[in-house]
Amino acid sequence: MIRRERHDSRKCDICGKRGARTRRIARAYGKGDDFFVIQAVPIVSCPHCGESYLEAETLHELERIKIHRKSFTKKRQVPVATFA
């Protein structure tokens, strides 16, 4: 069974209007040998004010992943493109 969140029931923490949605993105951290990517990071996006933000629980989990990244990450080659 697929659980779907009601998008119109979520209130934006920035503008206070209902309709904010959770979407998932990839975030890159570090550089050089310390570079790594965390996939499927949940962010809240509001169609009314245009803001996107991370919730406190997400920030705590990101910190935990960064601290213990060696046990969470897998080595992969990543193709990179430059936006011109």
N, C-alpha and C. Protein backbone atom coordinates (compact mmCIF):
# COMPACT_ATOMS: atom_id res chain seq x y z
N MET A 1 0.84 -1.19 0.00
CA MET A 1 0.00 0.00 0.00
C MET A 1 0.88 1.25 0.00
N ILE A 2 0.60 2.17 -0.89
CA ILE A 2 1.35 3.42 -0.97
C ILE A 2 0.64 4.47 -0.13
N ARG A 3 1.41 5.06 0.77
CA ARG A 3 0.84 6.10 1.63
C ARG A 3 1.12 7.45 1.01
N ARG A 4 0.10 8.23 0.80
CA ARG A 4 0.27 9.55 0.21
C ARG A 4 -0.14 10.61 1.23
N GLU A 5 0.71 11.62 1.36
CA GLU A 5 0.43 12.72 2.27
C GLU A 5 -0.54 13.67 1.59
N ARG A 6 -1.49 14.19 2.35
CA ARG A 6 -2.39 15.20 1.80
C ARG A 6 -1.62 16.50 1.70
N HIS A 7 -1.38 16.95 0.48
CA HIS A 7 -0.55 18.13 0.26
C HIS A 7 -1.21 19.40 0.75
N ASP A 8 -2.55 19.49 0.68
CA ASP A 8 -3.21 20.72 1.06
C ASP A 8 -3.37 20.86 2.57
N SER A 9 -3.02 19.84 3.34
CA SER A 9 -3.20 19.90 4.78
C SER A 9 -1.97 20.43 5.50
N ARG A 10 -0.83 20.53 4.81
CA ARG A 10 0.41 20.96 5.45
C ARG A 10 0.51 22.49 5.42
N LYS A 11 0.85 23.07 6.56
CA LYS A 11 0.98 24.52 6.67
C LYS A 11 2.45 24.92 6.54
N CYS A 12 2.72 25.94 5.75
CA CYS A 12 4.07 26.45 5.56
C CYS A 12 4.54 27.15 6.84
N ASP A 13 5.74 26.82 7.29
CA ASP A 13 6.31 27.46 8.48
C ASP A 13 6.74 28.90 8.21
N ILE A 14 6.86 29.29 6.95
CA ILE A 14 7.30 30.64 6.61
C ILE A 14 6.12 31.60 6.50
N CYS A 15 5.16 31.27 5.62
CA CYS A 15 4.04 32.20 5.38
C CYS A 15 2.76 31.81 6.12
N GLY A 16 2.69 30.57 6.61
CA GLY A 16 1.52 30.13 7.37
C GLY A 16 0.35 29.63 6.53
N LYS A 17 0.48 29.65 5.20
CA LYS A 17 -0.61 29.19 4.35
C LYS A 17 -0.54 27.68 4.17
N ARG A 18 -1.68 27.07 3.92
CA ARG A 18 -1.75 25.64 3.68
C ARG A 18 -1.42 25.34 2.23
N GLY A 19 -0.87 24.13 2.00
CA GLY A 19 -0.56 23.71 0.64
C GLY A 19 0.91 23.39 0.43
N ALA A 20 1.72 23.53 1.47
CA ALA A 20 3.14 23.20 1.35
C ALA A 20 3.29 21.71 1.07
N ARG A 21 4.31 21.36 0.30
CA ARG A 21 4.55 19.97 -0.09
C ARG A 21 5.95 19.53 0.28
N THR A 22 6.08 18.26 0.57
CA THR A 22 7.39 17.69 0.81
C THR A 22 7.86 17.06 -0.48
N ARG A 23 9.08 17.41 -0.88
CA ARG A 23 9.69 16.77 -2.05
C ARG A 23 11.09 16.33 -1.66
N ARG A 24 11.69 15.50 -2.46
CA ARG A 24 13.00 14.94 -2.13
C ARG A 24 14.04 15.40 -3.13
N ILE A 25 15.20 15.78 -2.61
CA ILE A 25 16.29 16.28 -3.44
C ILE A 25 17.59 15.59 -3.05
N ALA A 26 18.63 15.81 -3.83
CA ALA A 26 19.97 15.35 -3.49
C ALA A 26 20.76 16.56 -3.01
N ARG A 27 21.55 16.38 -1.96
CA ARG A 27 22.40 17.46 -1.42
C ARG A 27 23.85 16.99 -1.43
N ALA A 28 24.74 17.85 -1.87
CA ALA A 28 26.17 17.53 -1.90
C ALA A 28 26.86 18.23 -0.74
N TYR A 29 27.84 17.53 -0.15
CA TYR A 29 28.60 18.06 0.99
C TYR A 29 30.08 17.81 0.77
N GLY A 30 30.92 18.67 1.34
CA GLY A 30 32.36 18.50 1.30
C GLY A 30 32.94 18.82 -0.06
N LYS A 31 34.25 18.53 -0.19
CA LYS A 31 34.93 18.71 -1.47
C LYS A 31 36.15 17.81 -1.51
N GLY A 32 36.66 17.61 -2.69
CA GLY A 32 37.82 16.73 -2.86
C GLY A 32 37.51 15.32 -2.39
N ASP A 33 38.42 14.75 -1.60
CA ASP A 33 38.24 13.38 -1.09
C ASP A 33 37.09 13.27 -0.09
N ASP A 34 36.65 14.40 0.48
CA ASP A 34 35.56 14.39 1.45
C ASP A 34 34.19 14.63 0.81
N PHE A 35 34.15 14.76 -0.52
CA PHE A 35 32.89 15.02 -1.22
C PHE A 35 31.98 13.80 -1.17
N PHE A 36 30.69 14.03 -0.85
CA PHE A 36 29.69 12.97 -0.94
C PHE A 36 28.31 13.57 -1.12
N VAL A 37 27.37 12.76 -1.57
CA VAL A 37 26.01 13.19 -1.86
C VAL A 37 25.04 12.41 -0.99
N ILE A 38 24.06 13.11 -0.44
CA ILE A 38 22.96 12.45 0.28
C ILE A 38 21.73 12.58 -0.61
N GLN A 39 21.17 11.43 -0.99
CA GLN A 39 20.01 11.42 -1.87
C GLN A 39 18.72 11.37 -1.06
N ALA A 40 17.64 11.79 -1.68
CA ALA A 40 16.28 11.71 -1.13
C ALA A 40 16.11 12.49 0.17
N VAL A 41 16.73 13.67 0.24
CA VAL A 41 16.58 14.54 1.41
C VAL A 41 15.23 15.23 1.32
N PRO A 42 14.37 15.10 2.34
CA PRO A 42 13.05 15.75 2.27
C PRO A 42 13.14 17.24 2.57
N ILE A 43 12.60 18.04 1.65
CA ILE A 43 12.49 19.48 1.90
C ILE A 43 11.02 19.86 1.74
N VAL A 44 10.64 20.90 2.43
CA VAL A 44 9.27 21.41 2.34
C VAL A 44 9.29 22.60 1.39
N SER A 45 8.41 22.59 0.40
CA SER A 45 8.31 23.68 -0.58
C SER A 45 6.90 24.26 -0.53
N CYS A 46 6.83 25.58 -0.52
CA CYS A 46 5.53 26.26 -0.47
C CYS A 46 5.24 26.91 -1.82
N PRO A 47 4.08 26.58 -2.42
CA PRO A 47 3.73 27.20 -3.70
C PRO A 47 3.27 28.65 -3.55
N HIS A 48 2.95 29.06 -2.32
CA HIS A 48 2.44 30.42 -2.10
C HIS A 48 3.57 31.44 -1.96
N CYS A 49 4.52 31.17 -1.08
CA CYS A 49 5.61 32.14 -0.86
C CYS A 49 6.88 31.78 -1.62
N GLY A 50 6.94 30.55 -2.17
CA GLY A 50 8.09 30.14 -2.96
C GLY A 50 9.28 29.66 -2.15
N GLU A 51 9.16 29.64 -0.84
CA GLU A 51 10.27 29.21 0.02
C GLU A 51 10.37 27.69 0.10
N SER A 52 11.58 27.20 0.28
CA SER A 52 11.85 25.79 0.54
C SER A 52 12.73 25.75 1.78
N TYR A 53 12.45 24.78 2.66
CA TYR A 53 13.24 24.71 3.89
C TYR A 53 13.32 23.27 4.39
N LEU A 54 14.33 23.04 5.23
CA LEU A 54 14.53 21.75 5.88
C LEU A 54 13.96 21.83 7.28
N GLU A 55 13.29 20.77 7.71
CA GLU A 55 12.76 20.73 9.06
C GLU A 55 13.86 20.31 10.04
N ALA A 56 13.66 20.58 11.32
CA ALA A 56 14.66 20.30 12.35
C ALA A 56 15.05 18.82 12.37
N GLU A 57 14.08 17.91 12.27
CA GLU A 57 14.39 16.47 12.26
C GLU A 57 15.29 16.11 11.10
N THR A 58 15.04 16.71 9.95
CA THR A 58 15.86 16.45 8.76
C THR A 58 17.28 16.94 8.98
N LEU A 59 17.42 18.13 9.56
CA LEU A 59 18.76 18.68 9.82
C LEU A 59 19.54 17.79 10.79
N HIS A 60 18.86 17.27 11.82
CA HIS A 60 19.53 16.37 12.76
C HIS A 60 19.98 15.08 12.08
N GLU A 61 19.13 14.54 11.21
CA GLU A 61 19.48 13.31 10.49
C GLU A 61 20.63 13.56 9.51
N LEU A 62 20.64 14.71 8.85
CA LEU A 62 21.75 15.04 7.96
C LEU A 62 23.06 15.12 8.73
N GLU A 63 23.04 15.71 9.90
CA GLU A 63 24.25 15.78 10.72
C GLU A 63 24.72 14.39 11.13
N ARG A 64 23.78 13.52 11.49
CA ARG A 64 24.12 12.14 11.86
C ARG A 64 24.76 11.41 10.68
N ILE A 65 24.18 11.58 9.49
CA ILE A 65 24.73 10.94 8.30
C ILE A 65 26.12 11.48 8.00
N LYS A 66 26.31 12.80 8.13
CA LYS A 66 27.63 13.38 7.85
C LYS A 66 28.68 12.87 8.83
N ILE A 67 28.32 12.75 10.10
CA ILE A 67 29.27 12.25 11.11
C ILE A 67 29.66 10.80 10.84
N HIS A 68 28.69 9.98 10.45
CA HIS A 68 28.92 8.54 10.24
C HIS A 68 28.92 8.18 8.76
N ARG A 69 29.32 9.11 7.89
CA ARG A 69 29.18 8.90 6.45
C ARG A 69 29.90 7.69 5.92
N LYS A 70 31.01 7.32 6.53
CA LYS A 70 31.76 6.15 6.03
C LYS A 70 30.94 4.87 6.13
N SER A 71 30.05 4.77 7.11
CA SER A 71 29.23 3.57 7.24
C SER A 71 27.96 3.65 6.38
N PHE A 72 27.61 4.84 5.89
CA PHE A 72 26.40 5.01 5.08
C PHE A 72 26.66 5.10 3.59
N THR A 73 27.85 5.53 3.19
CA THR A 73 28.08 5.81 1.78
C THR A 73 28.64 4.62 1.02
N LYS A 74 28.40 4.66 -0.29
CA LYS A 74 28.96 3.69 -1.23
C LYS A 74 29.74 4.49 -2.26
N LYS A 75 30.86 3.97 -2.71
CA LYS A 75 31.66 4.65 -3.73
C LYS A 75 30.98 4.49 -5.08
N ARG A 76 30.82 5.61 -5.81
CA ARG A 76 30.29 5.61 -7.16
C ARG A 76 30.97 6.71 -7.95
N GLN A 77 31.06 6.50 -9.23
CA GLN A 77 31.55 7.57 -10.11
C GLN A 77 30.36 8.46 -10.40
N VAL A 78 30.60 9.76 -10.36
CA VAL A 78 29.52 10.71 -10.59
C VAL A 78 29.85 11.58 -11.78
N PRO A 79 29.05 11.50 -12.85
CA PRO A 79 29.26 12.42 -13.97
C PRO A 79 28.84 13.83 -13.55
N VAL A 80 29.60 14.84 -13.99
CA VAL A 80 29.34 16.22 -13.61
C VAL A 80 29.19 17.06 -14.86
N ALA A 81 28.15 17.90 -14.90
CA ALA A 81 27.94 18.84 -16.00
C ALA A 81 28.00 20.25 -15.44
N THR A 82 28.43 21.19 -16.27
CA THR A 82 28.48 22.59 -15.86
C THR A 82 27.36 23.35 -16.53
N PHE A 83 26.61 24.09 -15.76
CA PHE A 83 25.55 24.94 -16.29
C PHE A 83 26.20 26.16 -16.89
N ALA A 84 26.02 26.37 -18.19
CA ALA A 84 26.70 27.49 -18.85
C ALA A 84 25.80 28.69 -18.98
